[in-house]
């Protein structure tokens, strides 16, 4: 009788331990992740693609960046990651254009995170004002030691403008309803907003989210017959 009671107690403890540790729990479609209605193509090969749909003006995207950067430092070599600007309306397209210009001059490492900080931390840049006149953005880029004219030329180039104009349609095709959102293998979608609030009240603890991301990646690899 005593042994049976101990066994039941162990089961109860294990149950609550699993709840507190998402990595030990089975993720569920429609809860921690969803499946795209129409899977999108990915590059051929044995790597799993992860896209981060973001908007520079989104405070939640800004708060995610440090944890995302840490995750990227330890990601496996069989994962290919790309930032992907999102846009739900015309006013968002300007910052998508900004990202494509940054990418075009190969300055993502130098400008991507600082641009988030310029908008959300120092308030140096205002997304609404940039839509009307991007001059302050060009001036800000120059303060980062980059060629202002080179950036302006990239920002106004046909290639960058073409990518920016397609952003709203691209966002829609991936069933994106909010940012930040990660799309894995062109078919699975997950976001920090899909997880319950942190019980400790820490809004910047994204460890449970990236445990979910890793589980979805493993699921995608299994579907491809990869180890």
Protein backbone atom coordinates (compact mmCIF):
# COMPACT_ATOMS: atom_id res chain seq x y z
CA UNK A 1 0.00 0.00 0.00
CA UNK A 2 2.83 2.39 0.95
CA UNK A 3 4.74 1.46 -2.21
CA UNK A 4 1.69 2.16 -4.33
CA UNK A 5 1.23 5.57 -2.66
CA UNK A 6 4.86 6.46 -3.37
CA UNK A 7 4.40 5.41 -6.97
CA UNK A 8 1.37 7.67 -7.34
CA UNK A 9 3.25 10.56 -5.72
CA UNK A 10 6.12 10.12 -8.17
CA UNK A 11 3.67 10.23 -11.08
CA UNK A 12 2.14 13.46 -9.77
CA UNK A 13 5.58 15.08 -9.36
CA UNK A 14 6.59 13.96 -12.85
CA UNK A 15 3.34 15.33 -14.29
CA UNK A 16 3.92 18.80 -12.85
CA UNK A 17 7.59 18.69 -13.83
CA UNK A 18 6.57 18.10 -17.44
CA UNK A 19 4.15 21.01 -17.33
CA UNK A 20 6.91 23.30 -16.09
CA UNK A 21 9.30 22.03 -18.78
CA UNK A 22 7.90 22.30 -22.32
CA UNK A 23 10.85 20.33 -23.72
CA UNK A 24 9.48 17.24 -21.98
CA UNK A 25 5.94 17.76 -23.21
CA UNK A 26 4.50 16.82 -26.56
CA UNK A 27 3.81 19.90 -28.66
CA UNK A 28 0.39 20.05 -30.25
CA UNK A 29 -0.73 21.40 -33.62
CA UNK A 30 -3.04 24.36 -33.11
CA UNK A 31 -1.50 25.10 -29.73
CA UNK A 32 2.28 25.62 -29.77
CA UNK A 33 2.42 25.65 -33.58
CA UNK A 34 0.16 25.62 -36.62
CA UNK A 35 0.49 24.20 -40.13
CA UNK A 36 0.33 26.51 -43.12
CA UNK A 37 -2.76 26.03 -45.26
CA UNK A 38 -0.51 25.96 -48.32
CA UNK A 39 3.09 24.82 -47.68
CA UNK A 40 5.65 27.13 -49.26
CA UNK A 41 8.70 25.98 -51.25
CA UNK A 42 12.10 25.80 -49.59
CA UNK A 43 15.58 25.39 -51.01
CA UNK A 44 16.39 21.78 -51.92
CA UNK A 45 18.85 19.88 -49.77
CA UNK A 46 19.17 18.45 -46.30
CA UNK A 47 18.90 21.70 -44.40
CA UNK A 48 15.74 22.85 -42.61
CA UNK A 49 14.79 26.44 -43.38
CA UNK A 50 13.74 28.80 -40.58
CA UNK A 51 12.28 32.20 -41.50
CA UNK A 52 11.79 34.95 -38.93
CA UNK A 53 8.95 37.25 -39.97
CA UNK A 54 9.53 40.55 -38.20
CA UNK A 55 8.88 44.28 -38.42
CA UNK A 56 11.37 46.81 -37.12
CA UNK A 57 8.54 48.81 -35.56
CA UNK A 58 7.30 45.81 -33.53
CA UNK A 59 8.32 45.95 -29.83
CA UNK A 60 7.81 42.19 -29.46
CA UNK A 61 10.26 41.58 -32.32
CA UNK A 62 12.73 43.88 -30.58
CA UNK A 63 12.46 41.99 -27.28
CA UNK A 64 12.95 38.65 -29.06
CA UNK A 65 16.24 39.65 -30.72
CA UNK A 66 18.70 38.90 -27.86
CA UNK A 67 17.26 35.41 -27.32
CA UNK A 68 17.17 34.80 -31.07
CA UNK A 69 20.81 35.85 -31.37
CA UNK A 70 21.76 33.38 -28.61
CA UNK A 71 19.79 30.60 -30.31
CA UNK A 72 21.52 31.32 -33.61
CA UNK A 73 24.92 30.95 -31.94
CA UNK A 74 24.10 27.36 -31.03
CA UNK A 75 21.89 26.31 -33.95
CA UNK A 76 22.85 23.15 -35.76
CA UNK A 77 24.60 23.27 -39.14
CA UNK A 78 21.62 21.55 -40.77
CA UNK A 79 19.46 24.64 -40.15
CA UNK A 80 19.46 27.61 -42.53
CA UNK A 81 18.06 30.82 -41.06
CA UNK A 82 16.81 33.99 -42.76
CA UNK A 83 15.31 37.25 -41.50
CA UNK A 84 12.13 38.06 -43.41
CA UNK A 85 10.44 41.46 -43.09
CA UNK A 86 6.68 41.31 -42.75
CA UNK A 87 4.05 43.84 -43.83
CA UNK A 88 0.31 43.85 -43.22
CA UNK A 89 -0.30 47.33 -44.62
CA UNK A 90 1.38 49.91 -46.83
CA UNK A 91 2.86 51.82 -43.88
CA UNK A 92 4.93 48.74 -42.97
CA UNK A 93 6.55 48.47 -46.39
CA UNK A 94 9.06 51.28 -45.78
CA UNK A 95 10.81 49.31 -43.03
CA UNK A 96 10.74 46.20 -45.20
CA UNK A 97 12.46 48.28 -47.88
CA UNK A 98 14.97 49.36 -45.24
CA UNK A 99 15.84 45.75 -44.41
CA UNK A 100 16.30 44.81 -48.06
CA UNK A 101 18.60 47.82 -48.51
CA UNK A 102 20.62 46.75 -45.46
CA UNK A 103 20.84 43.22 -46.83
CA UNK A 104 21.77 44.53 -50.28
CA UNK A 105 24.89 46.30 -48.99
CA UNK A 106 25.73 43.29 -46.79
CA UNK A 107 25.39 45.28 -43.57
CA UNK A 108 22.92 43.06 -41.71
CA UNK A 109 25.41 42.21 -38.96
CA UNK A 110 26.23 45.89 -38.49
CA UNK A 111 22.78 47.50 -38.75
CA UNK A 112 20.03 44.98 -38.02
CA UNK A 113 20.05 45.00 -34.20
CA UNK A 114 21.14 48.65 -33.91
CA UNK A 115 18.14 49.67 -36.02
CA UNK A 116 15.80 47.94 -33.57
CA UNK A 117 17.50 49.82 -30.74
CA UNK A 118 17.32 53.14 -32.59
CA UNK A 119 13.55 52.73 -32.86
CA UNK A 120 12.69 51.18 -29.49
CA UNK A 121 15.50 52.12 -27.09
CA UNK A 122 17.02 55.46 -28.01
CA UNK A 123 13.94 56.56 -30.05
CA UNK A 124 16.35 58.05 -32.59
CA UNK A 125 14.12 56.88 -35.45
CA UNK A 126 10.33 56.99 -35.71
CA UNK A 127 8.63 54.50 -38.09
CA UNK A 128 5.74 56.88 -38.82
CA UNK A 129 8.10 59.71 -39.73
CA UNK A 130 10.24 57.42 -41.90
CA UNK A 131 7.22 56.64 -44.07
CA UNK A 132 6.89 60.35 -44.85
CA UNK A 133 10.62 61.04 -45.20
CA UNK A 134 13.46 58.49 -44.81
CA UNK A 135 16.17 61.19 -44.61
CA UNK A 136 16.71 60.60 -40.87
CA UNK A 137 17.32 56.92 -41.65
CA UNK A 138 19.99 57.82 -44.21
CA UNK A 139 21.64 60.16 -41.72
CA UNK A 140 21.54 57.45 -39.03
CA UNK A 141 23.20 54.92 -41.34
CA UNK A 142 26.03 57.39 -41.91
CA UNK A 143 26.59 57.64 -38.13
CA UNK A 144 27.29 53.90 -38.16
CA UNK A 145 30.32 54.40 -40.37
CA UNK A 146 28.67 53.33 -43.63
CA UNK A 147 28.58 55.17 -46.94
CA UNK A 148 25.37 57.23 -46.94
CA UNK A 149 25.15 57.44 -50.75
CA UNK A 150 25.75 53.72 -51.15
CA UNK A 151 22.85 53.01 -48.80
CA UNK A 152 20.55 55.57 -50.48
CA UNK A 153 21.33 54.05 -53.88
CA UNK A 154 20.55 50.56 -52.57
CA UNK A 155 17.38 51.78 -50.87
CA UNK A 156 16.15 53.27 -54.17
CA UNK A 157 17.32 50.41 -56.39
CA UNK A 158 14.95 48.41 -58.57
CA UNK A 159 15.82 45.17 -56.78
CA UNK A 160 15.10 46.52 -53.30
CA UNK A 161 11.90 48.27 -54.39
CA UNK A 162 10.70 45.08 -56.09
CA UNK A 163 11.26 43.01 -52.95
CA UNK A 164 9.57 45.63 -50.78
CA UNK A 165 6.48 45.83 -53.00
CA UNK A 166 5.98 42.07 -52.70
CA UNK A 167 6.22 42.04 -48.91
CA UNK A 168 2.48 42.29 -48.17
CA UNK A 169 1.68 39.44 -50.57
CA UNK A 170 4.58 37.37 -49.24
CA UNK A 171 3.39 37.85 -45.65
CA UNK A 172 -0.11 36.75 -46.63
CA UNK A 173 1.09 33.63 -48.44
CA UNK A 174 2.78 32.44 -45.24
CA UNK A 175 -0.41 32.88 -43.15
CA UNK A 176 1.36 35.42 -40.93
CA UNK A 177 -1.09 37.11 -38.55
CA UNK A 178 1.38 38.81 -36.21
CA UNK A 179 5.06 39.39 -35.52
CA UNK A 180 7.41 37.94 -34.52
CA UNK A 181 6.61 34.61 -36.16
CA UNK A 182 8.94 31.80 -37.19
CA UNK A 183 8.13 29.60 -40.18
CA UNK A 184 9.92 26.25 -40.22
CA UNK A 185 10.40 24.13 -43.32
CA UNK A 186 7.90 26.23 -45.25
CA UNK A 187 4.99 24.59 -43.47
CA UNK A 188 5.09 25.02 -39.68
CA UNK A 189 4.42 28.32 -37.96
CA UNK A 190 5.12 29.23 -34.34
CA UNK A 191 5.32 32.41 -32.28
CA UNK A 192 6.08 33.39 -28.68
CA UNK A 193 2.46 34.58 -28.45
CA UNK A 194 1.30 30.96 -28.85
CA UNK A 195 2.89 29.96 -25.55
CA UNK A 196 1.36 30.70 -22.13
CA UNK A 197 2.78 33.68 -20.20
CA UNK A 198 5.91 33.03 -18.17
CA UNK A 199 4.78 31.92 -14.66
CA UNK A 200 7.61 33.95 -13.12
CA UNK A 201 6.38 37.09 -14.84
CA UNK A 202 9.56 37.48 -16.91
CA UNK A 203 8.46 38.77 -20.31
CA UNK A 204 11.95 38.37 -21.77
CA UNK A 205 12.41 34.64 -21.05
CA UNK A 206 12.12 32.97 -24.45
CA UNK A 207 13.70 29.64 -23.50
CA UNK A 208 10.37 27.74 -23.64
CA UNK A 209 9.69 29.22 -27.06
CA UNK A 210 13.00 28.10 -28.53
CA UNK A 211 12.48 24.64 -27.03
CA UNK A 212 9.28 24.52 -29.08
CA UNK A 213 11.20 25.76 -32.13
CA UNK A 214 13.73 22.95 -31.72
CA UNK A 215 10.96 20.38 -31.40
CA UNK A 216 9.25 21.62 -34.55
CA UNK A 217 12.60 21.47 -36.39
CA UNK A 218 13.07 17.88 -35.23
CA UNK A 219 9.56 17.07 -36.45
CA UNK A 220 10.36 18.59 -39.84
CA UNK A 221 13.59 16.62 -40.07
CA UNK A 222 11.76 13.41 -39.23
CA UNK A 223 9.24 14.12 -41.98
CA UNK A 224 12.14 14.40 -44.44
CA UNK A 225 13.73 11.22 -43.15
CA UNK A 226 16.67 13.16 -41.74
CA UNK A 227 18.45 12.57 -38.43
